[in-house]
Amino acid sequence: MAQHRLYRCIVRAVKIGKMEEPFASDDFREACPGFAKGTYGTFLPKHRVGNPSGTSELFDRVSEGRYKLVRPYKYGLDC
């Protein structure tokens, strides 16, 4: 599933220190290149805690446009 691939890339980037929290879409783009251009601006807010569409809640919004990962990580990535 593409969403898991995106999420896995973000978790890995944070774990290895390639991206620091809180992060913005530009940080996501730099740490995880190769996804569709529109993905970088939509994936984080779409999956924030309290999103209106009811999609998976993967990120806490800490300020306008800045996010951190919800812990524990989802989809078995907490290992």
N, C-alpha and C. Protein backbone atom coordinates (compact mmCIF):
# COMPACT_ATOMS: atom_id res chain seq x y z
N MET A 1 0.84 -1.19 0.00
CA MET A 1 0.00 0.00 0.00
C MET A 1 0.89 1.25 0.00
N ALA A 2 0.61 2.19 -0.86
CA ALA A 2 1.44 3.39 -1.02
C ALA A 2 1.52 4.21 0.26
N GLN A 3 0.41 4.32 0.99
CA GLN A 3 0.44 5.11 2.22
C GLN A 3 1.41 4.52 3.23
N HIS A 4 1.43 3.21 3.35
CA HIS A 4 2.38 2.59 4.28
C HIS A 4 3.81 2.86 3.83
N ARG A 5 4.05 2.88 2.54
CA ARG A 5 5.38 3.16 2.02
C ARG A 5 5.81 4.58 2.39
N LEU A 6 4.91 5.53 2.25
CA LEU A 6 5.20 6.92 2.63
C LEU A 6 5.48 7.02 4.12
N TYR A 7 4.59 6.43 4.90
CA TYR A 7 4.74 6.47 6.35
C TYR A 7 6.03 5.79 6.79
N ARG A 8 6.32 4.65 6.21
CA ARG A 8 7.55 3.91 6.53
C ARG A 8 8.78 4.77 6.23
N CYS A 9 8.75 5.51 5.13
CA CYS A 9 9.86 6.39 4.76
C CYS A 9 10.04 7.49 5.81
N ILE A 10 8.95 8.08 6.26
CA ILE A 10 9.01 9.14 7.27
C ILE A 10 9.54 8.61 8.59
N VAL A 11 9.01 7.47 9.04
CA VAL A 11 9.47 6.88 10.30
C VAL A 11 10.96 6.57 10.21
N ARG A 12 11.38 5.99 9.13
CA ARG A 12 12.80 5.65 8.97
C ARG A 12 13.66 6.90 8.98
N ALA A 13 13.23 7.95 8.27
CA ALA A 13 14.00 9.20 8.21
C ALA A 13 14.18 9.80 9.60
N VAL A 14 13.15 9.72 10.42
CA VAL A 14 13.25 10.24 11.79
C VAL A 14 14.15 9.34 12.62
N LYS A 15 13.98 8.04 12.51
CA LYS A 15 14.78 7.10 13.30
C LYS A 15 16.27 7.21 13.02
N ILE A 16 16.65 7.43 11.77
CA ILE A 16 18.08 7.48 11.44
C ILE A 16 18.64 8.90 11.49
N GLY A 17 17.81 9.86 11.84
CA GLY A 17 18.28 11.23 11.99
C GLY A 17 18.35 12.03 10.70
N LYS A 18 17.73 11.52 9.66
CA LYS A 18 17.72 12.22 8.37
C LYS A 18 16.72 13.38 8.39
N MET A 19 15.74 13.29 9.31
CA MET A 19 14.72 14.31 9.45
C MET A 19 14.42 14.47 10.93
N GLU A 20 14.38 15.71 11.40
CA GLU A 20 14.11 15.98 12.81
C GLU A 20 12.66 16.40 12.99
N GLU A 21 12.14 16.08 14.17
CA GLU A 21 10.79 16.52 14.53
C GLU A 21 10.88 17.81 15.31
N PRO A 22 9.90 18.69 15.17
CA PRO A 22 8.80 18.61 14.21
C PRO A 22 9.30 18.91 12.80
N PHE A 23 8.61 18.34 11.83
CA PHE A 23 9.01 18.49 10.44
C PHE A 23 7.87 19.09 9.63
N ALA A 24 8.23 19.64 8.49
CA ALA A 24 7.26 20.23 7.56
C ALA A 24 7.30 19.47 6.25
N SER A 25 6.42 19.81 5.34
CA SER A 25 6.36 19.10 4.06
C SER A 25 7.68 19.22 3.29
N ASP A 26 8.37 20.36 3.39
CA ASP A 26 9.66 20.51 2.70
C ASP A 26 10.71 19.55 3.27
N ASP A 27 10.68 19.33 4.59
CA ASP A 27 11.59 18.37 5.22
C ASP A 27 11.28 16.96 4.72
N PHE A 28 10.00 16.64 4.64
CA PHE A 28 9.53 15.35 4.14
C PHE A 28 10.01 15.15 2.70
N ARG A 29 9.87 16.17 1.87
CA ARG A 29 10.29 16.10 0.46
C ARG A 29 11.79 15.84 0.36
N GLU A 30 12.57 16.50 1.19
CA GLU A 30 14.02 16.34 1.15
C GLU A 30 14.46 14.97 1.67
N ALA A 31 13.83 14.49 2.73
CA ALA A 31 14.21 13.22 3.34
C ALA A 31 13.69 12.01 2.59
N CYS A 32 12.58 12.18 1.88
CA CYS A 32 11.93 11.05 1.18
C CYS A 32 11.63 11.44 -0.27
N PRO A 33 12.64 11.61 -1.09
CA PRO A 33 12.38 12.00 -2.48
C PRO A 33 11.75 10.87 -3.29
N GLY A 34 11.15 11.25 -4.41
CA GLY A 34 10.68 10.26 -5.36
C GLY A 34 9.19 10.02 -5.38
N PHE A 35 8.45 10.66 -4.50
CA PHE A 35 7.00 10.51 -4.51
C PHE A 35 6.39 11.61 -5.37
N ALA A 36 5.13 11.47 -5.74
CA ALA A 36 4.46 12.48 -6.56
C ALA A 36 4.51 13.84 -5.87
N LYS A 37 4.68 14.88 -6.66
CA LYS A 37 4.84 16.25 -6.15
C LYS A 37 3.74 16.65 -5.16
N GLY A 38 2.50 16.37 -5.47
CA GLY A 38 1.38 16.74 -4.61
C GLY A 38 1.33 16.01 -3.29
N THR A 39 1.98 14.88 -3.22
CA THR A 39 1.99 14.05 -2.01
C THR A 39 2.55 14.81 -0.81
N TYR A 40 3.60 15.56 -1.04
CA TYR A 40 4.31 16.21 0.07
C TYR A 40 3.47 17.25 0.80
N GLY A 41 2.59 17.91 0.11
CA GLY A 41 1.75 18.92 0.75
C GLY A 41 0.45 18.38 1.32
N THR A 42 0.08 17.17 0.95
CA THR A 42 -1.22 16.65 1.39
C THR A 42 -1.14 15.51 2.40
N PHE A 43 -0.10 14.71 2.36
CA PHE A 43 -0.05 13.51 3.19
C PHE A 43 -0.04 13.82 4.69
N LEU A 44 0.75 14.79 5.11
CA LEU A 44 0.85 15.10 6.54
C LEU A 44 -0.47 15.63 7.11
N PRO A 45 -1.09 16.65 6.52
CA PRO A 45 -2.36 17.11 7.10
C PRO A 45 -3.49 16.09 6.96
N LYS A 46 -3.46 15.31 5.90
CA LYS A 46 -4.51 14.30 5.70
C LYS A 46 -4.48 13.24 6.79
N HIS A 47 -3.30 12.99 7.37
CA HIS A 47 -3.15 11.94 8.38
C HIS A 47 -2.81 12.49 9.76
N ARG A 48 -3.21 13.74 10.01
CA ARG A 48 -2.96 14.32 11.33
C ARG A 48 -4.05 13.87 12.31
N VAL A 49 -3.72 13.90 13.58
CA VAL A 49 -4.70 13.58 14.61
C VAL A 49 -5.85 14.58 14.49
N GLY A 50 -7.07 14.06 14.47
CA GLY A 50 -8.26 14.90 14.36
C GLY A 50 -8.62 15.30 12.95
N ASN A 51 -8.04 14.64 11.94
CA ASN A 51 -8.36 15.01 10.56
C ASN A 51 -9.85 14.79 10.30
N PRO A 52 -10.47 15.68 9.53
CA PRO A 52 -11.91 15.60 9.33
C PRO A 52 -12.39 14.43 8.48
N SER A 53 -11.49 13.81 7.71
CA SER A 53 -11.93 12.72 6.84
C SER A 53 -11.88 11.36 7.54
N GLY A 54 -11.36 11.32 8.75
CA GLY A 54 -11.33 10.06 9.50
C GLY A 54 -10.27 9.08 9.02
N THR A 55 -9.25 9.56 8.29
CA THR A 55 -8.18 8.66 7.86
C THR A 55 -7.26 8.36 9.04
N SER A 56 -6.35 7.44 8.86
CA SER A 56 -5.45 7.03 9.94
C SER A 56 -4.73 8.25 10.52
N GLU A 57 -4.60 8.27 11.84
CA GLU A 57 -3.97 9.39 12.55
C GLU A 57 -2.52 9.02 12.83
N LEU A 58 -1.62 9.54 12.02
CA LEU A 58 -0.21 9.18 12.09
C LEU A 58 0.66 10.30 12.64
N PHE A 59 0.18 11.55 12.58
CA PHE A 59 0.98 12.71 12.95
C PHE A 59 0.22 13.64 13.89
N ASP A 60 0.94 14.23 14.83
CA ASP A 60 0.40 15.30 15.66
C ASP A 60 0.84 16.61 15.03
N ARG A 61 -0.09 17.52 14.84
CA ARG A 61 0.27 18.85 14.34
C ARG A 61 0.68 19.68 15.54
N VAL A 62 1.90 20.18 15.55
CA VAL A 62 2.41 20.93 16.70
C VAL A 62 2.32 22.44 16.47
N SER A 63 2.27 22.86 15.23
CA SER A 63 2.04 24.25 14.85
C SER A 63 1.67 24.25 13.38
N GLU A 64 1.35 25.40 12.85
CA GLU A 64 0.93 25.49 11.45
C GLU A 64 1.99 24.87 10.53
N GLY A 65 1.63 23.77 9.86
CA GLY A 65 2.50 23.13 8.89
C GLY A 65 3.64 22.30 9.47
N ARG A 66 3.65 22.08 10.78
CA ARG A 66 4.73 21.32 11.42
C ARG A 66 4.13 20.15 12.18
N TYR A 67 4.76 18.98 12.04
CA TYR A 67 4.21 17.73 12.56
C TYR A 67 5.27 16.90 13.28
N LYS A 68 4.80 16.02 14.14
CA LYS A 68 5.65 14.99 14.73
C LYS A 68 4.89 13.68 14.64
N LEU A 69 5.61 12.59 14.68
CA LEU A 69 5.00 11.26 14.58
C LEU A 69 4.26 10.91 15.87
N VAL A 70 3.12 10.27 15.72
CA VAL A 70 2.39 9.73 16.86
C VAL A 70 3.13 8.49 17.33
N ARG A 71 3.32 8.36 18.62
CA ARG A 71 3.95 7.17 19.20
C ARG A 71 2.91 6.38 19.96
N PRO A 72 2.99 5.08 20.02
CA PRO A 72 3.91 4.23 19.28
C PRO A 72 3.59 4.28 17.79
N TYR A 73 4.60 3.98 16.98
CA TYR A 73 4.40 3.97 15.53
C TYR A 73 3.39 2.90 15.15
N LYS A 74 2.71 3.13 14.07
CA LYS A 74 1.71 2.19 13.55
C LYS A 74 2.37 1.16 12.62
N TYR A 75 1.59 0.16 12.28
CA TYR A 75 1.95 -0.84 11.27
C TYR A 75 3.23 -1.62 11.58
N GLY A 76 3.48 -1.84 12.87
CA GLY A 76 4.62 -2.66 13.27
C GLY A 76 5.98 -2.00 13.10
N LEU A 77 6.01 -0.67 12.99
CA LEU A 77 7.28 0.02 12.77
C LEU A 77 7.94 0.46 14.06
N ASP A 78 7.38 0.09 15.20
CA ASP A 78 7.94 0.51 16.48
C ASP A 78 9.17 -0.32 16.87
N CYS A 79 9.48 -1.32 16.12
CA CYS A 79 10.61 -2.20 16.43
C CYS A 79 11.94 -1.52 16.17
